[in-house]
Amino acid sequence: MVIFLKKFIISEKERIDDLQIPIGDGKSLSIIQNTDYFSFGIDAVLIANFVRVKKNAAIVDLGTGCGVIPLILAAKTDLRHVTGVEIQRDVAEMAQRSVALNGLEDKVSIVWADLKTFGNSASYDIVVCNPPYKEGGGGLKNANRHRAIARHEICCTLQDVAYAAKRLLKPMGKLYLVHRPERLVDIMCFMRENGIEPKRLRFVHPSAGKAANIVLIEGTKGGRAKLLLEPPLYVRDENNNYTFEIEKIYGRI
């Protein structure tokens, strides 16, 4: 396990994006992204917003990528600490530089590790994951290895994520996942197999009248069987603009 030292070197293929989320002293959250790597999308922003964080919570984000979920959680909630776990060393190093860029080292750590072997105790209140959506043999593989790992179950599967959550969560701890609706049955089965009961579910639709293309789900380790289906979330309105709720999630209103 390696935790990187902070650096501020930006390569020619990297850019700094302003997330427009306040972090104090008139500054807003920034993130480093690389054109060769997988860039985060709306699904990462939505799952970060879906997570319910109690004061002083200890959180781990499995497969953190560029670190956007830990950064958003650290900026918007009263957590104690969040750890981002990333199997790709160069991607993890870039995420750590984003943490340093925002001065959030006291709240966020990035660890280069495999989620299948990370951690050895049930010490987290919350596990978050935006896992690869495509099964190992499903869909067209991307020639870029970084993007292929982010999109396909090459380094981890849904079963691996559910088992890791079982190991890492305290009793009654929460698992939060974002995925595609077509994998919902698999998600629920793997959660239950690992003692995590699905408790909240929300479908995200591109717009009204269109089928959902994202699902957000919360489960409780050792929870009782009772599932709450929340109202659907629509990304765009009839004029193809972001809806009020999406604008609010992004902090624009």
C-alpha atoms as a PDB file:
ATOM      1  CA  MET A   1       0.000   0.000   0.000  1.00  0.00           C
ATOM      2  CA  VAL A   2       1.391   3.398  -0.976  1.00  0.00           C
ATOM      3  CA  ILE A   3       0.116   6.869  -0.093  1.00  0.00           C
ATOM      4  CA  PHE A   4       1.647   9.466  -2.374  1.00  0.00           C
ATOM      5  CA  LEU A   5       3.413  12.674  -1.430  1.00  0.00           C
ATOM      6  CA  LYS A   6       1.708  15.809  -2.673  1.00  0.00           C
ATOM      7  CA  LYS A   7       2.840  17.287  -5.978  1.00  0.00           C
ATOM      8  CA  PHE A   8       1.524  20.077  -8.152  1.00  0.00           C
ATOM      9  CA  ILE A   9       3.118  19.094 -11.475  1.00  0.00           C
ATOM     10  CA  ILE A  10       0.626  19.354 -14.356  1.00  0.00           C
ATOM     11  CA  SER A  11       1.573  17.497 -17.534  1.00  0.00           C
ATOM     12  CA  GLU A  12       0.730  18.624 -21.065  1.00  0.00           C
ATOM     13  CA  LYS A  13      -2.173  16.141 -21.181  1.00  0.00           C
ATOM     14  CA  GLU A  14      -3.655  17.342 -17.907  1.00  0.00           C
ATOM     15  CA  ARG A  15      -6.065  20.163 -17.189  1.00  0.00           C
ATOM     16  CA  ILE A  16      -7.527  21.695 -14.053  1.00  0.00           C
ATOM     17  CA  ASP A  17     -11.329  21.865 -13.987  1.00  0.00           C
ATOM     18  CA  ASP A  18     -13.269  24.149 -11.644  1.00  0.00           C
ATOM     19  CA  LEU A  19     -16.137  22.199 -10.048  1.00  0.00           C
ATOM     20  CA  GLN A  20     -17.677  25.441  -8.741  1.00  0.00           C
ATOM     21  CA  ILE A  21     -18.199  23.967  -5.278  1.00  0.00           C
ATOM     22  CA  PRO A  22     -17.119  26.397  -2.499  1.00  0.00           C
ATOM     23  CA  ILE A  23     -14.338  25.240  -0.141  1.00  0.00           C
ATOM     24  CA  GLY A  24     -13.885  28.484   1.814  1.00  0.00           C
ATOM     25  CA  ASP A  25     -11.808  31.655   1.515  1.00  0.00           C
ATOM     26  CA  GLY A  26     -13.540  32.486  -1.761  1.00  0.00           C
ATOM     27  CA  LYS A  27     -12.109  29.359  -3.412  1.00  0.00           C
ATOM     28  CA  SER A  28     -13.935  26.578  -5.225  1.00  0.00           C
ATOM     29  CA  LEU A  29     -13.141  22.906  -5.646  1.00  0.00           C
ATOM     30  CA  SER A  30     -10.752  22.086  -8.507  1.00  0.00           C
ATOM     31  CA  ILE A  31      -9.769  18.740 -10.000  1.00  0.00           C
ATOM     32  CA  ILE A  32      -6.959  17.570 -12.260  1.00  0.00           C
ATOM     33  CA  GLN A  33      -7.973  15.429 -15.236  1.00  0.00           C
ATOM     34  CA  ASN A  34      -5.904  13.752 -17.944  1.00  0.00           C
ATOM     35  CA  THR A  35      -7.112  13.354 -21.536  1.00  0.00           C
ATOM     36  CA  ASP A  36      -5.664   9.815 -21.606  1.00  0.00           C
ATOM     37  CA  TYR A  37      -7.687   8.735 -18.563  1.00  0.00           C
ATOM     38  CA  PHE A  38     -11.405   8.220 -17.995  1.00  0.00           C
ATOM     39  CA  SER A  39     -13.035  11.556 -17.121  1.00  0.00           C
ATOM     40  CA  PHE A  40     -15.764  11.581 -14.503  1.00  0.00           C
ATOM     41  CA  GLY A  41     -19.377  12.097 -15.552  1.00  0.00           C
ATOM     42  CA  ILE A  42     -22.684  13.071 -14.024  1.00  0.00           C
ATOM     43  CA  ASP A  43     -23.026   9.655 -12.385  1.00  0.00           C
ATOM     44  CA  ALA A  44     -20.138  10.437 -10.008  1.00  0.00           C
ATOM     45  CA  VAL A  45     -21.709  13.770  -9.066  1.00  0.00           C
ATOM     46  CA  LEU A  46     -25.103  12.144  -8.506  1.00  0.00           C
ATOM     47  CA  ILE A  47     -23.820   9.369  -6.233  1.00  0.00           C
ATOM     48  CA  ALA A  48     -21.843  11.890  -4.172  1.00  0.00           C
ATOM     49  CA  ASN A  49     -25.084  13.843  -3.708  1.00  0.00           C
ATOM     50  CA  PHE A  50     -27.079  10.651  -2.943  1.00  0.00           C
ATOM     51  CA  VAL A  51     -24.811   9.690  -0.039  1.00  0.00           C
ATOM     52  CA  ARG A  52     -26.161  10.609   3.387  1.00  0.00           C
ATOM     53  CA  VAL A  53     -23.211  11.573   5.561  1.00  0.00           C
ATOM     54  CA  LYS A  54     -23.466  11.864   9.341  1.00  0.00           C
ATOM     55  CA  LYS A  55     -21.061  14.081  11.258  1.00  0.00           C
ATOM     56  CA  ASN A  56     -17.584  12.575  11.685  1.00  0.00           C
ATOM     57  CA  ALA A  57     -18.280   9.673   9.325  1.00  0.00           C
ATOM     58  CA  ALA A  58     -15.359   7.586   8.052  1.00  0.00           C
ATOM     59  CA  ILE A  59     -15.835   6.924   4.334  1.00  0.00           C
ATOM     60  CA  VAL A  60     -14.037   4.897   1.668  1.00  0.00           C
ATOM     61  CA  ASP A  61     -14.553   5.327  -2.090  1.00  0.00           C
ATOM     62  CA  LEU A  62     -13.618   2.143  -3.974  1.00  0.00           C
ATOM     63  CA  GLY A  63     -12.171   2.665  -7.460  1.00  0.00           C
ATOM     64  CA  THR A  64     -11.902   6.398  -6.910  1.00  0.00           C
ATOM     65  CA  GLY A  65     -10.347   7.271 -10.295  1.00  0.00           C
ATOM     66  CA  CYS A  66      -9.570  10.987 -10.411  1.00  0.00           C
ATOM     67  CA  GLY A  67     -10.892  11.326  -6.847  1.00  0.00           C
ATOM     68  CA  VAL A  68     -13.956  13.402  -7.661  1.00  0.00           C
ATOM     69  CA  ILE A  69     -16.277  11.633  -5.195  1.00  0.00           C
ATOM     70  CA  PRO A  70     -13.977  12.052  -2.154  1.00  0.00           C
ATOM     71  CA  LEU A  71     -13.356  15.682  -3.109  1.00  0.00           C
ATOM     72  CA  ILE A  72     -17.064  16.485  -3.373  1.00  0.00           C
ATOM     73  CA  LEU A  73     -17.878  14.681  -0.118  1.00  0.00           C
ATOM     74  CA  ALA A  74     -15.075  16.468   1.728  1.00  0.00           C
ATOM     75  CA  ALA A  75     -16.210  19.845   0.416  1.00  0.00           C
ATOM     76  CA  LYS A  76     -19.948  19.425   0.989  1.00  0.00           C
ATOM     77  CA  THR A  77     -20.299  17.297   4.146  1.00  0.00           C
ATOM     78  CA  ASP A  78     -19.118  17.198   7.758  1.00  0.00           C
ATOM     79  CA  LEU A  79     -17.261  13.896   7.444  1.00  0.00           C
ATOM     80  CA  ARG A  80     -14.228  12.952   9.526  1.00  0.00           C
ATOM     81  CA  HIS A  81     -12.158  11.441   6.710  1.00  0.00           C
ATOM     82  CA  VAL A  82     -12.603   9.880   3.282  1.00  0.00           C
ATOM     83  CA  THR A  83     -10.165   7.480   1.636  1.00  0.00           C
ATOM     84  CA  GLY A  84     -10.101   6.966  -2.123  1.00  0.00           C
ATOM     85  CA  VAL A  85      -8.805   3.565  -3.256  1.00  0.00           C
ATOM     86  CA  GLU A  86      -7.452   3.285  -6.809  1.00  0.00           C
ATOM     87  CA  ILE A  87      -5.719   0.321  -8.449  1.00  0.00           C
ATOM     88  CA  GLN A  88      -3.992   2.331 -11.207  1.00  0.00           C
ATOM     89  CA  ARG A  89      -0.908   3.961  -9.741  1.00  0.00           C
ATOM     90  CA  ASP A  90      -0.659   6.924 -12.130  1.00  0.00           C
ATOM     91  CA  VAL A  91      -4.369   7.687 -11.754  1.00  0.00           C
ATOM     92  CA  ALA A  92      -4.087   7.476  -7.957  1.00  0.00           C
ATOM     93  CA  GLU A  93      -1.105   9.836  -8.019  1.00  0.00           C
ATOM     94  CA  MET A  94      -3.076  12.351 -10.086  1.00  0.00           C
ATOM     95  CA  ALA A  95      -6.013  12.137  -7.649  1.00  0.00           C
ATOM     96  CA  GLN A  96      -3.652  12.771  -4.728  1.00  0.00           C
ATOM     97  CA  ARG A  97      -2.386  15.925  -6.434  1.00  0.00           C
ATOM     98  CA  SER A  98      -5.987  17.125  -6.733  1.00  0.00           C
ATOM     99  CA  VAL A  99      -6.389  16.630  -2.983  1.00  0.00           C
ATOM    100  CA  ALA A 100      -3.252  18.704  -2.349  1.00  0.00           C
ATOM    101  CA  LEU A 101      -4.337  21.328  -4.873  1.00  0.00           C
ATOM    102  CA  ASN A 102      -7.479  21.939  -2.799  1.00  0.00           C
ATOM    103  CA  GLY A 103      -5.700  21.787   0.568  1.00  0.00           C
ATOM    104  CA  LEU A 104      -7.854  18.867   1.714  1.00  0.00           C
ATOM    105  CA  GLU A 105      -5.111  16.512   2.916  1.00  0.00           C
ATOM    106  CA  ASP A 106      -6.555  16.551   6.443  1.00  0.00           C
ATOM    107  CA  LYS A 107      -9.866  15.153   5.165  1.00  0.00           C
ATOM    108  CA  VAL A 108      -8.943  13.097   2.076  1.00  0.00           C
ATOM    109  CA  SER A 109      -6.388  10.353   1.471  1.00  0.00           C
ATOM    110  CA  ILE A 110      -5.738   8.577  -1.821  1.00  0.00           C
ATOM    111  CA  VAL A 111      -4.357   5.051  -1.595  1.00  0.00           C
ATOM    112  CA  TRP A 112      -2.877   2.990  -4.426  1.00  0.00           C
ATOM    113  CA  ALA A 113      -4.388  -0.435  -3.758  1.00  0.00           C
ATOM    114  CA  ASP A 114      -6.664  -3.180  -5.061  1.00  0.00           C
ATOM    115  CA  LEU A 115     -10.127  -2.932  -3.510  1.00  0.00           C
ATOM    116  CA  LYS A 116     -10.198  -6.732  -3.302  1.00  0.00           C
ATOM    117  CA  THR A 117      -7.398  -6.709  -0.723  1.00  0.00           C
ATOM    118  CA  PHE A 118      -7.622  -3.189   0.750  1.00  0.00           C
ATOM    119  CA  GLY A 119      -8.305  -2.966   4.469  1.00  0.00           C
ATOM    120  CA  ASN A 120      -8.569  -5.723   7.065  1.00  0.00           C
ATOM    121  CA  SER A 121     -11.216  -4.471   9.483  1.00  0.00           C
ATOM    122  CA  ALA A 122     -14.797  -3.244   9.555  1.00  0.00           C
ATOM    123  CA  SER A 123     -13.871   0.367  10.274  1.00  0.00           C
ATOM    124  CA  TYR A 124     -15.924   2.470   7.842  1.00  0.00           C
ATOM    125  CA  ASP A 125     -19.354   4.034   8.256  1.00  0.00           C
ATOM    126  CA  ILE A 126     -19.848   4.384   4.488  1.00  0.00           C
ATOM    127  CA  VAL A 127     -18.541   2.645   1.383  1.00  0.00           C
ATOM    128  CA  VAL A 128     -19.127   4.409  -1.948  1.00  0.00           C
ATOM    129  CA  CYS A 129     -18.449   2.997  -5.396  1.00  0.00           C
ATOM    130  CA  ASN A 130     -18.952   4.053  -8.997  1.00  0.00           C
ATOM    131  CA  PRO A 131     -17.862   0.698 -10.478  1.00  0.00           C
ATOM    132  CA  PRO A 132     -17.208  -0.343 -14.082  1.00  0.00           C
ATOM    133  CA  TYR A 133     -20.580  -0.780 -15.785  1.00  0.00           C
ATOM    134  CA  LYS A 134     -19.698  -3.397 -18.390  1.00  0.00           C
ATOM    135  CA  GLU A 135     -19.241  -7.037 -17.472  1.00  0.00           C
ATOM    136  CA  GLY A 136     -15.828  -8.488 -18.310  1.00  0.00           C
ATOM    137  CA  GLY A 137     -16.898  -9.764 -21.732  1.00  0.00           C
ATOM    138  CA  GLY A 138     -19.648  -7.243 -22.389  1.00  0.00           C
ATOM    139  CA  GLY A 139     -19.435  -4.323 -24.774  1.00  0.00           C
ATOM    140  CA  LEU A 140     -16.585  -3.160 -26.951  1.00  0.00           C
ATOM    141  CA  LYS A 141     -13.235  -2.902 -25.156  1.00  0.00           C
ATOM    142  CA  ASN A 142     -11.457   0.439 -25.355  1.00  0.00           C
ATOM    143  CA  ALA A 143      -7.928   0.346 -26.749  1.00  0.00           C
ATOM    144  CA  ASN A 144      -6.899   2.784 -23.991  1.00  0.00           C
ATOM    145  CA  ARG A 145      -6.243   0.609 -20.914  1.00  0.00           C
ATOM    146  CA  HIS A 146      -7.109   3.362 -18.429  1.00  0.00           C
ATOM    147  CA  ARG A 147     -10.549   3.825 -19.970  1.00  0.00           C
ATOM    148  CA  ALA A 148     -11.102   0.083 -20.411  1.00  0.00           C
ATOM    149  CA  ILE A 149     -10.441  -0.529 -16.697  1.00  0.00           C
ATOM    150  CA  ALA A 150     -12.883   2.248 -15.767  1.00  0.00           C
ATOM    151  CA  ARG A 151     -15.642   0.917 -18.039  1.00  0.00           C
ATOM    152  CA  HIS A 152     -15.244  -2.872 -17.909  1.00  0.00           C
ATOM    153  CA  GLU A 153     -15.018  -5.392 -15.071  1.00  0.00           C
ATOM    154  CA  ILE A 154     -11.340  -6.070 -15.750  1.00  0.00           C
ATOM    155  CA  CYS A 155      -9.870  -5.412 -12.303  1.00  0.00           C
ATOM    156  CA  CYS A 156     -13.018  -5.906 -10.222  1.00  0.00           C
ATOM    157  CA  THR A 157     -16.582  -7.171 -10.502  1.00  0.00           C
ATOM    158  CA  LEU A 158     -19.813  -6.289  -8.729  1.00  0.00           C
ATOM    159  CA  GLN A 159     -19.261  -9.353  -6.543  1.00  0.00           C
ATOM    160  CA  ASP A 160     -15.842  -7.993  -5.556  1.00  0.00           C
ATOM    161  CA  VAL A 161     -17.333  -4.619  -4.631  1.00  0.00           C
ATOM    162  CA  ALA A 162     -20.107  -6.172  -2.516  1.00  0.00           C
ATOM    163  CA  TYR A 163     -17.635  -8.439  -0.708  1.00  0.00           C
ATOM    164  CA  ALA A 164     -15.236  -5.548  -0.083  1.00  0.00           C
ATOM    165  CA  ALA A 165     -18.117  -3.526   1.402  1.00  0.00           C
ATOM    166  CA  LYS A 166     -18.994  -6.439   3.669  1.00  0.00           C
ATOM    167  CA  ARG A 167     -15.399  -6.524   4.967  1.00  0.00           C
ATOM    168  CA  LEU A 168     -14.978  -2.780   5.367  1.00  0.00           C
ATOM    169  CA  LEU A 169     -18.326  -1.633   6.782  1.00  0.00           C
ATOM    170  CA  LYS A 170     -19.160  -1.384  10.446  1.00  0.00           C
ATOM    171  CA  PRO A 171     -22.426  -3.068  11.515  1.00  0.00           C
ATOM    172  CA  MET A 172     -25.301  -0.976  10.094  1.00  0.00           C
ATOM    173  CA  GLY A 173     -22.841   0.842   7.842  1.00  0.00           C
ATOM    174  CA  LYS A 174     -24.005   2.031   4.428  1.00  0.00           C
ATOM    175  CA  LEU A 175     -23.020   0.997   0.900  1.00  0.00           C
ATOM    176  CA  TYR A 176     -23.785   3.431  -1.937  1.00  0.00           C
ATOM    177  CA  LEU A 177     -23.578   2.378  -5.585  1.00  0.00           C
ATOM    178  CA  VAL A 178     -24.310   4.021  -8.930  1.00  0.00           C
ATOM    179  CA  HIS A 179     -24.815   1.754 -11.924  1.00  0.00           C
ATOM    180  CA  ARG A 180     -26.984   0.953 -14.936  1.00  0.00           C
ATOM    181  CA  PRO A 181     -30.581  -0.231 -14.363  1.00  0.00           C
ATOM    182  CA  GLU A 182     -29.991  -3.436 -16.359  1.00  0.00           C
ATOM    183  CA  ARG A 183     -27.616  -4.633 -13.608  1.00  0.00           C
ATOM    184  CA  LEU A 184     -30.046  -3.908 -10.764  1.00  0.00           C
ATOM    185  CA  VAL A 185     -30.967  -7.542 -10.101  1.00  0.00           C
ATOM    186  CA  ASP A 186     -27.276  -8.476  -9.941  1.00  0.00           C
ATOM    187  CA  ILE A 187     -26.587  -5.567  -7.585  1.00  0.00           C
ATOM    188  CA  MET A 188     -29.346  -6.547  -5.158  1.00  0.00           C
ATOM    189  CA  CYS A 189     -28.418 -10.231  -5.244  1.00  0.00           C
ATOM    190  CA  PHE A 190     -24.739  -9.563  -4.542  1.00  0.00           C
ATOM    191  CA  MET A 191     -25.620  -7.124  -1.772  1.00  0.00           C
ATOM    192  CA  ARG A 192     -27.855  -9.655  -0.015  1.00  0.00           C
ATOM    193  CA  GLU A 193     -25.326 -12.447  -0.476  1.00  0.00           C
ATOM    194  CA  ASN A 194     -22.921 -10.278   1.512  1.00  0.00           C
ATOM    195  CA  GLY A 195     -25.332  -9.284   4.250  1.00  0.00           C
ATOM    196  CA  ILE A 196     -26.113  -5.828   2.875  1.00  0.00           C
ATOM    197  CA  GLU A 197     -29.821  -5.078   2.579  1.00  0.00           C
ATOM    198  CA  PRO A 198     -31.010  -2.687  -0.179  1.00  0.00           C
ATOM    199  CA  LYS A 199     -32.779   0.220   1.530  1.00  0.00           C
ATOM    200  CA  ARG A 200     -33.080   3.177  -0.914  1.00  0.00           C
ATOM    201  CA  LEU A 201     -33.378   3.214  -4.682  1.00  0.00           C
ATOM    202  CA  ARG A 202     -33.633   6.054  -7.179  1.00  0.00           C
ATOM    203  CA  PHE A 203     -33.782   5.942 -10.962  1.00  0.00           C
ATOM    204  CA  VAL A 204     -32.238   8.726 -13.037  1.00  0.00           C
ATOM    205  CA  HIS A 205     -33.776   9.555 -16.437  1.00  0.00           C
ATOM    206  CA  PRO A 206     -32.238  11.663 -19.234  1.00  0.00           C
ATOM    207  CA  SER A 207     -35.587  13.483 -19.386  1.00  0.00           C
ATOM    208  CA  ALA A 208     -39.295  12.876 -18.752  1.00  0.00           C
ATOM    209  CA  GLY A 209     -40.661  10.136 -20.986  1.00  0.00           C
ATOM    210  CA  LYS A 210     -37.281   8.454 -21.471  1.00  0.00           C
ATOM    211  CA  ALA A 211     -36.194   5.241 -19.786  1.00  0.00           C
ATOM    212  CA  ALA A 212     -33.860   5.457 -16.817  1.00  0.00           C
ATOM    213  CA  ASN A 213     -30.177   5.044 -17.661  1.00  0.00           C
ATOM    214  CA  ILE A 214     -28.709   5.401 -14.148  1.00  0.00           C
ATOM    215  CA  VAL A 215     -29.701   3.841 -10.831  1.00  0.00           C
ATOM    216  CA  LEU A 216     -28.615   4.989  -7.375  1.00  0.00           C
ATOM    217  CA  ILE A 217     -28.840   2.481  -4.533  1.00  0.00           C
ATOM    218  CA  GLU A 218     -28.145   2.470  -0.804  1.00  0.00           C
ATOM    219  CA  GLY A 219     -27.778  -0.665   1.310  1.00  0.00           C
ATOM    220  CA  THR A 220     -27.284  -1.268   5.028  1.00  0.00           C
ATOM    221  CA  LYS A 221     -24.985  -3.950   6.433  1.00  0.00           C
ATOM    222  CA  GLY A 222     -27.207  -6.084   8.639  1.00  0.00           C
ATOM    223  CA  GLY A 223     -30.298  -4.039   7.824  1.00  0.00           C
ATOM    224  CA  ARG A 224     -33.851  -5.345   7.779  1.00  0.00           C
ATOM    225  CA  ALA A 225     -35.746  -5.944   4.555  1.00  0.00           C
ATOM    226  CA  LYS A 226     -37.530  -2.742   3.538  1.00  0.00           C
ATOM    227  CA  LEU A 227     -36.829  -0.844   0.313  1.00  0.00           C
ATOM    228  CA  LEU A 228     -37.754   2.803  -0.275  1.00  0.00           C
ATOM    229  CA  LEU A 229     -38.242   3.775  -3.918  1.00  0.00           C
ATOM    230  CA  GLU A 230     -37.560   7.506  -4.248  1.00  0.00           C
ATOM    231  CA  PRO A 231     -39.122   9.766  -6.914  1.00  0.00           C
ATOM    232  CA  PRO A 232     -37.368   9.686 -10.301  1.00  0.00           C
ATOM    233  CA  LEU A 233     -34.667  12.240 -11.046  1.00  0.00           C
ATOM    234  CA  TYR A 234     -34.791  13.913 -14.478  1.00  0.00           C
ATOM    235  CA  VAL A 235     -31.557  15.344 -15.856  1.00  0.00           C
ATOM    236  CA  ARG A 236     -32.964  17.641 -18.560  1.00  0.00           C
ATOM    237  CA  ASP A 237     -36.257  19.463 -19.070  1.00  0.00           C
ATOM    238  CA  GLU A 238     -38.388  19.901 -22.201  1.00  0.00           C
ATOM    239  CA  ASN A 239     -35.997  22.598 -23.454  1.00  0.00           C
ATOM    240  CA  ASN A 240     -32.977  20.306 -23.032  1.00  0.00           C
ATOM    241  CA  ASN A 241     -31.689  22.395 -20.138  1.00  0.00           C
ATOM    242  CA  TYR A 242     -30.630  20.913 -16.820  1.00  0.00           C
ATOM    243  CA  THR A 243     -33.599  20.588 -14.457  1.00  0.00           C
ATOM    244  CA  PHE A 244     -33.820  22.618 -11.267  1.00  0.00           C
ATOM    245  CA  GLU A 245     -32.743  19.628  -9.164  1.00  0.00           C
ATOM    246  CA  ILE A 246     -29.660  18.949 -11.303  1.00  0.00           C
ATOM    247  CA  GLU A 247     -28.661  22.628 -11.186  1.00  0.00           C
ATOM    248  CA  LYS A 248     -29.048  22.479  -7.401  1.00  0.00           C
ATOM    249  CA  ILE A 249     -26.938  19.324  -7.151  1.00  0.00           C
ATOM    250  CA  TYR A 250     -24.185  21.045  -9.144  1.00  0.00           C
ATOM    251  CA  GLY A 251     -24.438  24.015  -6.786  1.00  0.00           C
ATOM    252  CA  ARG A 252     -25.411  26.504  -9.472  1.00  0.00           C
ATOM    253  CA  ILE A 253     -28.555  27.703  -7.676  1.00  0.00           C
END
